[in-house]
């Protein structure tokens, strides 16, 4: 997420998404086009971070990640945390990706 504060990284991601969603019937295309127009016209930025941890919930843990990423008033930053009761290393097997 820290890299997403860089304009060139965001531009690369937008370019990649434009080429991935190329089919005319793709329902995501309209939403992508609307998001790109908004981004280009207003330079609005919203970073959404999801912290996945296999520890006990800890407000300080999430607050530290948020403070590290917060940079300017033009970027909206949302941080979510998922504290799992299982080790992260076991996730691929649990979701069928081995």
C-alpha atoms as a PDB file:
ATOM      1  CA  UNK A   1       0.000   0.000   0.000  1.00  0.00           C
ATOM      2  CA  UNK A   2       2.874   2.345   0.667  1.00  0.00           C
ATOM      3  CA  UNK A   3       3.843   2.103  -3.021  1.00  0.00           C
ATOM      4  CA  UNK A   4       0.323   3.179  -4.043  1.00  0.00           C
ATOM      5  CA  UNK A   5       1.075   6.681  -2.807  1.00  0.00           C
ATOM      6  CA  UNK A   6       3.379   7.005  -5.844  1.00  0.00           C
ATOM      7  CA  UNK A   7       1.733   8.433  -8.994  1.00  0.00           C
ATOM      8  CA  UNK A   8       3.671   6.160 -11.357  1.00  0.00           C
ATOM      9  CA  UNK A   9       2.585   3.022  -9.487  1.00  0.00           C
ATOM     10  CA  UNK A  10      -1.067   4.072  -9.573  1.00  0.00           C
ATOM     11  CA  UNK A  11      -0.800   4.917 -13.278  1.00  0.00           C
ATOM     12  CA  UNK A  12       0.652   1.481 -13.986  1.00  0.00           C
ATOM     13  CA  UNK A  13      -2.214  -0.204 -12.150  1.00  0.00           C
ATOM     14  CA  UNK A  14      -4.855   1.858 -13.984  1.00  0.00           C
ATOM     15  CA  UNK A  15      -3.181   1.025 -17.329  1.00  0.00           C
ATOM     16  CA  UNK A  16      -3.093  -2.679 -16.441  1.00  0.00           C
ATOM     17  CA  UNK A  17      -6.777  -2.665 -15.398  1.00  0.00           C
ATOM     18  CA  UNK A  18      -7.795  -0.944 -18.634  1.00  0.00           C
ATOM     19  CA  UNK A  19      -6.210  -3.772 -20.634  1.00  0.00           C
ATOM     20  CA  UNK A  20      -7.582  -6.563 -18.447  1.00  0.00           C
ATOM     21  CA  UNK A  21     -11.210  -5.431 -18.723  1.00  0.00           C
ATOM     22  CA  UNK A  22     -11.477  -5.316 -22.495  1.00  0.00           C
ATOM     23  CA  UNK A  23     -14.627  -7.289 -23.273  1.00  0.00           C
ATOM     24  CA  UNK A  24     -17.621  -5.123 -24.188  1.00  0.00           C
ATOM     25  CA  UNK A  25     -20.000  -7.241 -22.097  1.00  0.00           C
ATOM     26  CA  UNK A  26     -17.833  -7.205 -18.977  1.00  0.00           C
ATOM     27  CA  UNK A  27     -20.028  -5.707 -16.211  1.00  0.00           C
ATOM     28  CA  UNK A  28     -16.931  -4.244 -14.510  1.00  0.00           C
ATOM     29  CA  UNK A  29     -16.075  -2.105 -17.543  1.00  0.00           C
ATOM     30  CA  UNK A  30     -18.627   0.619 -16.741  1.00  0.00           C
ATOM     31  CA  UNK A  31     -17.421   0.891 -13.152  1.00  0.00           C
ATOM     32  CA  UNK A  32     -13.794   0.975 -14.227  1.00  0.00           C
ATOM     33  CA  UNK A  33     -14.511   3.688 -16.804  1.00  0.00           C
ATOM     34  CA  UNK A  34     -16.390   5.769 -14.202  1.00  0.00           C
ATOM     35  CA  UNK A  35     -13.565   5.358 -11.699  1.00  0.00           C
ATOM     36  CA  UNK A  36     -10.920   6.339 -14.265  1.00  0.00           C
ATOM     37  CA  UNK A  37     -12.910   9.439 -15.292  1.00  0.00           C
ATOM     38  CA  UNK A  38     -13.230  10.500 -11.664  1.00  0.00           C
ATOM     39  CA  UNK A  39      -9.557   9.848 -11.040  1.00  0.00           C
ATOM     40  CA  UNK A  40      -8.477  11.796 -14.129  1.00  0.00           C
ATOM     41  CA  UNK A  41     -10.849  14.740 -13.524  1.00  0.00           C
ATOM     42  CA  UNK A  42     -10.390  15.153  -9.804  1.00  0.00           C
ATOM     43  CA  UNK A  43      -7.250  13.197  -8.976  1.00  0.00           C
ATOM     44  CA  UNK A  44      -9.282  11.592  -6.193  1.00  0.00           C
ATOM     45  CA  UNK A  45      -7.433   8.826  -4.446  1.00  0.00           C
ATOM     46  CA  UNK A  46      -8.752   6.265  -2.021  1.00  0.00           C
ATOM     47  CA  UNK A  47      -6.476   3.628  -0.581  1.00  0.00           C
ATOM     48  CA  UNK A  48      -8.163   0.662   1.040  1.00  0.00           C
ATOM     49  CA  UNK A  49      -5.959  -1.557   3.128  1.00  0.00           C
ATOM     50  CA  UNK A  50      -6.838  -4.900   4.622  1.00  0.00           C
ATOM     51  CA  UNK A  51      -4.471  -6.071   7.323  1.00  0.00           C
ATOM     52  CA  UNK A  52      -4.667  -9.845   7.763  1.00  0.00           C
ATOM     53  CA  UNK A  53      -3.216 -11.104  11.007  1.00  0.00           C
ATOM     54  CA  UNK A  54      -3.154 -14.414  12.848  1.00  0.00           C
ATOM     55  CA  UNK A  55      -2.828 -12.794  16.248  1.00  0.00           C
ATOM     56  CA  UNK A  56      -5.268 -11.508  18.846  1.00  0.00           C
ATOM     57  CA  UNK A  57      -7.060  -8.287  17.827  1.00  0.00           C
ATOM     58  CA  UNK A  58      -5.044  -5.219  18.742  1.00  0.00           C
ATOM     59  CA  UNK A  59      -6.159  -1.644  18.057  1.00  0.00           C
ATOM     60  CA  UNK A  60      -2.562  -0.387  18.293  1.00  0.00           C
ATOM     61  CA  UNK A  61      -1.533  -2.800  15.512  1.00  0.00           C
ATOM     62  CA  UNK A  62      -4.073  -1.329  13.082  1.00  0.00           C
ATOM     63  CA  UNK A  63      -3.419   2.241  14.213  1.00  0.00           C
ATOM     64  CA  UNK A  64       0.314   1.820  13.541  1.00  0.00           C
ATOM     65  CA  UNK A  65      -0.360   0.649   9.949  1.00  0.00           C
ATOM     66  CA  UNK A  66      -2.802   3.514   9.389  1.00  0.00           C
ATOM     67  CA  UNK A  67      -0.406   6.184  10.692  1.00  0.00           C
ATOM     68  CA  UNK A  68       2.429   4.814   8.547  1.00  0.00           C
ATOM     69  CA  UNK A  69       0.328   5.075   5.369  1.00  0.00           C
ATOM     70  CA  UNK A  70      -1.472   8.354   5.964  1.00  0.00           C
ATOM     71  CA  UNK A  71       0.284  11.032   3.936  1.00  0.00           C
ATOM     72  CA  UNK A  72      -1.838  13.931   2.715  1.00  0.00           C
ATOM     73  CA  UNK A  73      -5.339  15.343   2.799  1.00  0.00           C
ATOM     74  CA  UNK A  74      -6.081  14.421  -0.847  1.00  0.00           C
ATOM     75  CA  UNK A  75      -5.929  10.689  -0.215  1.00  0.00           C
ATOM     76  CA  UNK A  76      -8.802   8.927   1.532  1.00  0.00           C
ATOM     77  CA  UNK A  77      -7.419   6.033   3.532  1.00  0.00           C
ATOM     78  CA  UNK A  78      -9.525   3.154   4.856  1.00  0.00           C
ATOM     79  CA  UNK A  79      -7.928   0.411   6.912  1.00  0.00           C
ATOM     80  CA  UNK A  80      -9.656  -2.831   7.805  1.00  0.00           C
ATOM     81  CA  UNK A  81      -8.255  -5.678   9.837  1.00  0.00           C
ATOM     82  CA  UNK A  82      -9.073  -9.367   9.773  1.00  0.00           C
ATOM     83  CA  UNK A  83      -7.747 -11.176  12.821  1.00  0.00           C
ATOM     84  CA  UNK A  84      -7.937 -14.879  12.037  1.00  0.00           C
ATOM     85  CA  UNK A  85      -8.053 -17.748  14.524  1.00  0.00           C
ATOM     86  CA  UNK A  86      -5.805 -19.841  12.245  1.00  0.00           C
ATOM     87  CA  UNK A  87      -2.222 -19.367  11.015  1.00  0.00           C
ATOM     88  CA  UNK A  88      -1.944 -17.336   7.795  1.00  0.00           C
ATOM     89  CA  UNK A  89       0.290 -20.061   6.373  1.00  0.00           C
ATOM     90  CA  UNK A  90      -2.700 -22.438   6.411  1.00  0.00           C
ATOM     91  CA  UNK A  91      -4.936 -20.149   4.291  1.00  0.00           C
ATOM     92  CA  UNK A  92      -4.050 -21.596   0.851  1.00  0.00           C
ATOM     93  CA  UNK A  93      -5.183 -25.049   1.966  1.00  0.00           C
ATOM     94  CA  UNK A  94      -8.319 -23.714   3.630  1.00  0.00           C
ATOM     95  CA  UNK A  95      -9.499 -21.907   0.493  1.00  0.00           C
ATOM     96  CA  UNK A  96      -8.463 -24.654  -1.908  1.00  0.00           C
ATOM     97  CA  UNK A  97      -5.362 -23.026  -3.378  1.00  0.00           C
ATOM     98  CA  UNK A  98      -2.484 -25.389  -2.841  1.00  0.00           C
END
